[in-house]
Structures are given as structure tokens and as C-alpha cells.
Amino acid sequence: MEHPTSEFKSKGGFKRILAASSYTVQGLATAWRIEHAFRQEVLVFALGIIFAFVLPISGYQRLALIGVLLLVLVVELINSAIEAIVDRISLERHPLSKNAKDFGSAAVGLTVLLAAATWVTVLYNRFM
């Protein structure tokens, strides 16, 4: 039995890779344009990359510092997608809509805590 799929779903091949790359760029550009939190997190990410490469740390530590900052961006994008879907369905206030948005926000918050803990741990172990 065949599973129903969207008519917009591509089948594969090189064209799919090109399309996916285009969607990635469009998604990042839209997030940059309309999501204030995303712009702030990109700034922190850029500064974090600079600091990670200046610090006298191992490659694995550098990867961890940059990786957790990238994870914050990923989770922020997912949170923005959740918010967009909820708003697309309805702009009226509803407890389930609030839950969905709060869950997304909580995911971002926990990821920020993970990033902060990772940076503190690496810096503490290197300099203390």
C-alpha cells in the first residue's frame, strides 16, 4: 500500500539537492528578516566563533563551543516554524496554541542553558 504524499514533495536526485539548498537559503533569509531573536542569536554565534578560534583550547572543545551555539540557532528556527504554523492556523488565542508556542520557547531556553553550561565548563577547565 502506497502512503499518500504531498504533490510538492520532490522525488530525489540532483534537482532535489538544489531545491533543498534554495529552501535553506530562503529560510535563513526569512528568519533573519522577520525574527529578532534569530538575529540576536546569529550575532552571539558570530562572536562565539571568533572567541572559539582565539581561545587556546583543543579542537574538540572548539567544536563543542561552536556546536552548542549552532544548536541554539537550529532550535530557534524550529521554534519560529512552530509559531508560524500556529499563527497560520489561527490568530485567535487558544490554550493549545499557547502551549505549542510555550513549548517551542522552552526548547530554545533549555538549549541556551546548555550552550551557557558548555561555555562555562570549557572556559573553567581551561583557565581555572
N, C-alpha and C. Protein backbone atom coordinates (compact mmCIF):
# COMPACT_ATOMS: atom_id res chain seq x y z
N MET A 1 0.84 -1.19 0.00
CA MET A 1 0.00 0.00 0.00
C MET A 1 0.89 1.25 0.00
N GLU A 2 0.60 2.16 -0.91
CA GLU A 2 1.38 3.37 -1.01
C GLU A 2 0.87 4.42 -0.02
N HIS A 3 1.83 5.13 0.59
CA HIS A 3 1.46 6.19 1.52
C HIS A 3 1.20 7.48 0.74
N PRO A 4 0.16 8.22 1.12
CA PRO A 4 -0.10 9.48 0.42
C PRO A 4 1.01 10.49 0.71
N THR A 5 1.42 11.22 -0.30
CA THR A 5 2.43 12.25 -0.13
C THR A 5 1.97 13.52 -0.81
N SER A 6 2.54 14.60 -0.38
CA SER A 6 2.22 15.90 -0.95
C SER A 6 2.69 15.97 -2.39
N GLU A 7 1.94 16.66 -3.21
CA GLU A 7 2.34 16.85 -4.60
C GLU A 7 3.59 17.72 -4.69
N PHE A 8 3.90 18.45 -3.59
CA PHE A 8 5.05 19.33 -3.56
C PHE A 8 6.32 18.60 -3.14
N LYS A 9 6.19 17.37 -2.69
CA LYS A 9 7.33 16.58 -2.24
C LYS A 9 8.12 16.12 -3.45
N SER A 10 9.43 16.42 -3.45
CA SER A 10 10.26 16.01 -4.58
C SER A 10 10.62 14.53 -4.46
N LYS A 11 11.01 13.96 -5.56
CA LYS A 11 11.31 12.53 -5.61
C LYS A 11 12.77 12.23 -5.33
N GLY A 12 13.67 13.12 -5.62
CA GLY A 12 15.08 12.87 -5.37
C GLY A 12 15.95 13.38 -6.48
N GLY A 13 17.22 13.01 -6.41
CA GLY A 13 18.17 13.39 -7.43
C GLY A 13 18.81 14.74 -7.17
N PHE A 14 19.60 15.17 -8.15
CA PHE A 14 20.35 16.42 -8.03
C PHE A 14 19.43 17.64 -7.91
N LYS A 15 18.30 17.61 -8.62
CA LYS A 15 17.35 18.73 -8.54
C LYS A 15 16.83 18.90 -7.12
N ARG A 16 16.64 17.77 -6.39
CA ARG A 16 16.19 17.84 -5.02
C ARG A 16 17.23 18.53 -4.15
N ILE A 17 18.50 18.21 -4.37
CA ILE A 17 19.58 18.83 -3.60
C ILE A 17 19.62 20.33 -3.85
N LEU A 18 19.49 20.73 -5.10
CA LEU A 18 19.46 22.16 -5.44
C LEU A 18 18.26 22.85 -4.80
N ALA A 19 17.11 22.22 -4.88
CA ALA A 19 15.91 22.81 -4.30
C ALA A 19 16.05 22.93 -2.79
N ALA A 20 16.56 21.88 -2.14
CA ALA A 20 16.74 21.91 -0.69
C ALA A 20 17.71 23.02 -0.29
N SER A 21 18.76 23.20 -1.07
CA SER A 21 19.72 24.28 -0.78
C SER A 21 19.05 25.64 -0.91
N SER A 22 18.22 25.78 -1.92
CA SER A 22 17.50 27.03 -2.12
C SER A 22 16.53 27.30 -0.96
N TYR A 23 15.83 26.26 -0.51
CA TYR A 23 14.91 26.41 0.61
C TYR A 23 15.66 26.78 1.88
N THR A 24 16.85 26.24 2.05
CA THR A 24 17.67 26.56 3.22
C THR A 24 18.03 28.04 3.23
N VAL A 25 18.50 28.53 2.10
CA VAL A 25 18.88 29.94 1.99
C VAL A 25 17.65 30.83 2.21
N GLN A 26 16.51 30.45 1.60
CA GLN A 26 15.29 31.23 1.78
C GLN A 26 14.86 31.25 3.24
N GLY A 27 14.94 30.10 3.91
CA GLY A 27 14.55 30.02 5.31
C GLY A 27 15.44 30.87 6.19
N LEU A 28 16.74 30.81 5.97
CA LEU A 28 17.66 31.63 6.76
C LEU A 28 17.43 33.12 6.50
N ALA A 29 17.21 33.49 5.24
CA ALA A 29 16.97 34.89 4.91
C ALA A 29 15.67 35.40 5.54
N THR A 30 14.63 34.58 5.50
CA THR A 30 13.36 34.98 6.11
C THR A 30 13.50 35.10 7.62
N ALA A 31 14.17 34.14 8.23
CA ALA A 31 14.38 34.20 9.68
C ALA A 31 15.16 35.46 10.04
N TRP A 32 16.18 35.77 9.28
CA TRP A 32 16.97 36.98 9.53
C TRP A 32 16.10 38.23 9.40
N ARG A 33 15.24 38.25 8.40
CA ARG A 33 14.41 39.42 8.12
C ARG A 33 13.31 39.64 9.15
N ILE A 34 12.68 38.56 9.65
CA ILE A 34 11.48 38.77 10.47
C ILE A 34 11.61 38.32 11.93
N GLU A 35 12.69 37.61 12.27
CA GLU A 35 12.82 37.09 13.64
C GLU A 35 13.94 37.82 14.38
N HIS A 36 13.53 38.72 15.29
CA HIS A 36 14.50 39.50 16.06
C HIS A 36 15.42 38.60 16.89
N ALA A 37 14.84 37.59 17.54
CA ALA A 37 15.64 36.68 18.37
C ALA A 37 16.68 35.95 17.53
N PHE A 38 16.33 35.56 16.33
CA PHE A 38 17.27 34.87 15.45
C PHE A 38 18.45 35.78 15.12
N ARG A 39 18.19 37.05 14.83
CA ARG A 39 19.28 37.98 14.53
C ARG A 39 20.20 38.12 15.73
N GLN A 40 19.63 38.22 16.93
CA GLN A 40 20.46 38.32 18.14
C GLN A 40 21.31 37.07 18.31
N GLU A 41 20.72 35.91 18.09
CA GLU A 41 21.45 34.66 18.26
C GLU A 41 22.53 34.48 17.19
N VAL A 42 22.29 34.98 15.99
CA VAL A 42 23.33 34.93 14.95
C VAL A 42 24.51 35.80 15.36
N LEU A 43 24.25 36.94 15.96
CA LEU A 43 25.32 37.81 16.45
C LEU A 43 26.15 37.09 17.52
N VAL A 44 25.46 36.45 18.48
CA VAL A 44 26.16 35.69 19.51
C VAL A 44 26.97 34.55 18.87
N PHE A 45 26.38 33.88 17.88
CA PHE A 45 27.06 32.80 17.17
C PHE A 45 28.34 33.31 16.50
N ALA A 46 28.25 34.44 15.80
CA ALA A 46 29.41 35.00 15.10
C ALA A 46 30.52 35.36 16.11
N LEU A 47 30.14 36.02 17.19
CA LEU A 47 31.12 36.36 18.22
C LEU A 47 31.70 35.10 18.86
N GLY A 48 30.85 34.12 19.07
CA GLY A 48 31.30 32.86 19.67
C GLY A 48 32.32 32.15 18.79
N ILE A 49 32.11 32.16 17.48
CA ILE A 49 33.07 31.55 16.57
C ILE A 49 34.43 32.25 16.69
N ILE A 50 34.40 33.57 16.72
CA ILE A 50 35.65 34.33 16.84
C ILE A 50 36.36 33.95 18.14
N PHE A 51 35.63 33.98 19.26
CA PHE A 51 36.24 33.64 20.55
C PHE A 51 36.73 32.20 20.56
N ALA A 52 35.97 31.29 19.99
CA ALA A 52 36.35 29.87 19.99
C ALA A 52 37.67 29.66 19.24
N PHE A 53 37.91 30.43 18.19
CA PHE A 53 39.15 30.27 17.44
C PHE A 53 40.32 31.04 18.04
N VAL A 54 40.03 32.00 18.90
CA VAL A 54 41.10 32.75 19.56
C VAL A 54 41.56 32.03 20.83
N LEU A 55 40.64 31.35 21.49
CA LEU A 55 40.98 30.68 22.75
C LEU A 55 41.97 29.54 22.54
N PRO A 56 42.89 29.36 23.49
CA PRO A 56 43.84 28.24 23.41
C PRO A 56 43.20 26.95 23.94
N ILE A 57 42.36 26.35 23.12
CA ILE A 57 41.64 25.14 23.52
C ILE A 57 41.81 24.07 22.44
N SER A 58 41.41 22.86 22.78
CA SER A 58 41.53 21.77 21.82
C SER A 58 40.48 21.89 20.72
N GLY A 59 40.69 21.14 19.66
CA GLY A 59 39.73 21.12 18.56
C GLY A 59 38.37 20.62 19.01
N TYR A 60 38.34 19.63 19.90
CA TYR A 60 37.07 19.11 20.40
C TYR A 60 36.33 20.14 21.24
N GLN A 61 37.08 20.88 22.04
CA GLN A 61 36.44 21.94 22.84
C GLN A 61 35.89 23.03 21.92
N ARG A 62 36.67 23.37 20.91
CA ARG A 62 36.22 24.39 19.94
C ARG A 62 34.94 23.92 19.24
N LEU A 63 34.94 22.66 18.85
CA LEU A 63 33.75 22.09 18.21
C LEU A 63 32.54 22.14 19.15
N ALA A 64 32.76 21.83 20.41
CA ALA A 64 31.66 21.86 21.38
C ALA A 64 31.12 23.29 21.54
N LEU A 65 32.02 24.26 21.64
CA LEU A 65 31.59 25.65 21.82
C LEU A 65 30.80 26.16 20.62
N ILE A 66 31.30 25.86 19.43
CA ILE A 66 30.60 26.30 18.22
C ILE A 66 29.33 25.48 18.01
N GLY A 67 29.40 24.18 18.28
CA GLY A 67 28.26 23.30 18.08
C GLY A 67 27.04 23.68 18.91
N VAL A 68 27.27 24.02 20.18
CA VAL A 68 26.10 24.37 21.01
C VAL A 68 25.49 25.69 20.57
N LEU A 69 26.31 26.61 20.05
CA LEU A 69 25.75 27.87 19.54
C LEU A 69 24.97 27.63 18.25
N LEU A 70 25.46 26.73 17.42
CA LEU A 70 24.72 26.36 16.22
C LEU A 70 23.40 25.67 16.59
N LEU A 71 23.44 24.84 17.63
CA LEU A 71 22.22 24.17 18.10
C LEU A 71 21.17 25.19 18.54
N VAL A 72 21.59 26.27 19.18
CA VAL A 72 20.64 27.33 19.57
C VAL A 72 19.94 27.88 18.33
N LEU A 73 20.70 28.11 17.25
CA LEU A 73 20.10 28.62 16.02
C LEU A 73 19.11 27.62 15.43
N VAL A 74 19.48 26.35 15.45
CA VAL A 74 18.60 25.31 14.90
C VAL A 74 17.28 25.26 15.67
N VAL A 75 17.37 25.27 17.00
CA VAL A 75 16.16 25.18 17.81
C VAL A 75 15.33 26.46 17.67
N GLU A 76 15.99 27.61 17.53
CA GLU A 76 15.25 28.86 17.30
C GLU A 76 14.48 28.80 15.98
N LEU A 77 15.08 28.23 14.95
CA LEU A 77 14.38 28.08 13.67
C LEU A 77 13.17 27.16 13.81
N ILE A 78 13.32 26.07 14.55
CA ILE A 78 12.19 25.16 14.77
C ILE A 78 11.11 25.87 15.56
N ASN A 79 11.50 26.65 16.58
CA ASN A 79 10.53 27.41 17.35
C ASN A 79 9.78 28.41 16.46
N SER A 80 10.51 29.08 15.58
CA SER A 80 9.88 30.03 14.67
C SER A 80 8.91 29.32 13.73
N ALA A 81 9.27 28.12 13.30
CA ALA A 81 8.37 27.34 12.43
C ALA A 81 7.10 26.97 13.18
N ILE A 82 7.22 26.56 14.43
CA ILE A 82 6.04 26.24 15.24
C ILE A 82 5.14 27.46 15.37
N GLU A 83 5.75 28.61 15.67
CA GLU A 83 4.97 29.85 15.81
C GLU A 83 4.26 30.20 14.51
N ALA A 84 4.95 30.04 13.37
CA ALA A 84 4.34 30.36 12.07
C ALA A 84 3.16 29.44 11.78
N ILE A 85 3.32 28.16 12.09
CA ILE A 85 2.23 27.20 11.85
C ILE A 85 1.02 27.53 12.72
N VAL A 86 1.27 27.81 13.99
CA VAL A 86 0.18 28.14 14.90
C VAL A 86 -0.55 29.39 14.41
N ASP A 87 0.22 30.42 14.03
CA ASP A 87 -0.39 31.66 13.55
C ASP A 87 -1.11 31.46 12.23
N ARG A 88 -0.62 30.55 11.39
CA ARG A 88 -1.28 30.26 10.11
C ARG A 88 -2.64 29.62 10.33
N ILE A 89 -2.71 28.75 11.35
CA ILE A 89 -3.96 28.06 11.64
C ILE A 89 -4.99 29.04 12.18
N SER A 90 -4.56 29.87 13.14
CA SER A 90 -5.48 30.86 13.71
C SER A 90 -4.71 31.85 14.55
N LEU A 91 -5.11 33.12 14.45
CA LEU A 91 -4.50 34.15 15.28
C LEU A 91 -5.28 34.36 16.59
N GLU A 92 -6.41 33.65 16.74
CA GLU A 92 -7.14 33.81 17.99
C GLU A 92 -6.42 33.07 19.11
N ARG A 93 -6.60 33.57 20.32
CA ARG A 93 -5.95 32.95 21.49
C ARG A 93 -6.63 31.63 21.81
N HIS A 94 -5.78 30.62 22.04
CA HIS A 94 -6.30 29.30 22.38
C HIS A 94 -5.26 28.63 23.28
N PRO A 95 -5.69 27.89 24.30
CA PRO A 95 -4.74 27.25 25.21
C PRO A 95 -3.75 26.31 24.50
N LEU A 96 -4.21 25.60 23.49
CA LEU A 96 -3.30 24.69 22.78
C LEU A 96 -2.28 25.46 21.95
N SER A 97 -2.70 26.58 21.38
CA SER A 97 -1.76 27.43 20.65
C SER A 97 -0.70 27.99 21.60
N LYS A 98 -1.15 28.42 22.77
CA LYS A 98 -0.22 28.92 23.78
C LYS A 98 0.75 27.82 24.19
N ASN A 99 0.24 26.62 24.42
CA ASN A 99 1.12 25.51 24.78
C ASN A 99 2.19 25.28 23.72
N ALA A 100 1.78 25.22 22.46
CA ALA A 100 2.73 24.97 21.37
C ALA A 100 3.82 26.03 21.35
N LYS A 101 3.43 27.28 21.47
CA LYS A 101 4.41 28.36 21.46
C LYS A 101 5.29 28.33 22.71
N ASP A 102 4.70 28.04 23.86
CA ASP A 102 5.48 27.95 25.10
C ASP A 102 6.46 26.79 25.06
N PHE A 103 6.04 25.66 24.48
CA PHE A 103 6.95 24.50 24.37
C PHE A 103 8.15 24.85 23.48
N GLY A 104 7.88 25.52 22.38
CA GLY A 104 8.97 25.94 21.50
C GLY A 104 9.92 26.89 22.19
N SER A 105 9.35 27.84 22.94
CA SER A 105 10.18 28.78 23.68
C SER A 105 10.99 28.07 24.75
N ALA A 106 10.39 27.10 25.42
CA ALA A 106 11.11 26.33 26.45
C ALA A 106 12.27 25.56 25.81
N ALA A 107 12.07 25.03 24.62
CA ALA A 107 13.14 24.31 23.93
C ALA A 107 14.31 25.24 23.65
N VAL A 108 14.02 26.46 23.20
CA VAL A 108 15.08 27.44 22.97
C VAL A 108 15.78 27.76 24.30
N GLY A 109 15.00 28.01 25.33
CA GLY A 109 15.58 28.34 26.64
C GLY A 109 16.50 27.26 27.17
N LEU A 110 16.07 26.00 27.06
CA LEU A 110 16.91 24.90 27.53
C LEU A 110 18.18 24.78 26.69
N THR A 111 18.08 25.05 25.41
CA THR A 111 19.25 24.99 24.54
C THR A 111 20.23 26.11 24.88
N VAL A 112 19.72 27.28 25.19
CA VAL A 112 20.58 28.39 25.62
C VAL A 112 21.28 28.02 26.93
N LEU A 113 20.56 27.38 27.85
CA LEU A 113 21.20 26.94 29.10
C LEU A 113 22.30 25.92 28.83
N LEU A 114 22.06 24.99 27.92
CA LEU A 114 23.08 24.02 27.54
C LEU A 114 24.31 24.72 26.96
N ALA A 115 24.07 25.70 26.09
CA ALA A 115 25.18 26.44 25.50
C ALA A 115 25.98 27.18 26.57
N ALA A 116 25.28 27.84 27.48
CA ALA A 116 25.97 28.57 28.55
C ALA A 116 26.77 27.61 29.43
N ALA A 117 26.18 26.48 29.78
CA ALA A 117 26.87 25.50 30.62
C ALA A 117 28.10 24.95 29.91
N THR A 118 28.00 24.73 28.61
CA THR A 118 29.14 24.22 27.84
C THR A 118 30.27 25.24 27.83
N TRP A 119 29.93 26.50 27.57
CA TRP A 119 30.96 27.55 27.55
C TRP A 119 31.60 27.71 28.92
N VAL A 120 30.79 27.73 29.97
CA VAL A 120 31.34 27.88 31.32
C VAL A 120 32.26 26.71 31.65
N THR A 121 31.84 25.51 31.32
CA THR A 121 32.63 24.32 31.63
C THR A 121 33.96 24.34 30.90
N VAL A 122 33.94 24.62 29.61
CA VAL A 122 35.17 24.64 28.82
C VAL A 122 36.11 25.74 29.33
N LEU A 123 35.57 26.93 29.53
CA LEU A 123 36.41 28.04 29.99
C LEU A 123 36.95 27.80 31.41
N TYR A 124 36.11 27.27 32.27
CA TYR A 124 36.53 26.98 33.66
C TYR A 124 37.65 25.95 33.65
N ASN A 125 37.47 24.88 32.89
CA ASN A 125 38.50 23.82 32.85
C ASN A 125 39.79 24.28 32.20
N ARG A 126 39.71 25.26 31.33
CA ARG A 126 40.92 25.75 30.64
C ARG A 126 41.67 26.77 31.48
N PHE A 127 40.94 27.63 32.18
CA PHE A 127 41.58 28.78 32.82
C PHE A 127 41.59 28.72 34.35
N MET A 128 41.00 27.73 34.96
CA MET A 128 40.99 27.66 36.43
C MET A 128 41.83 26.51 36.94
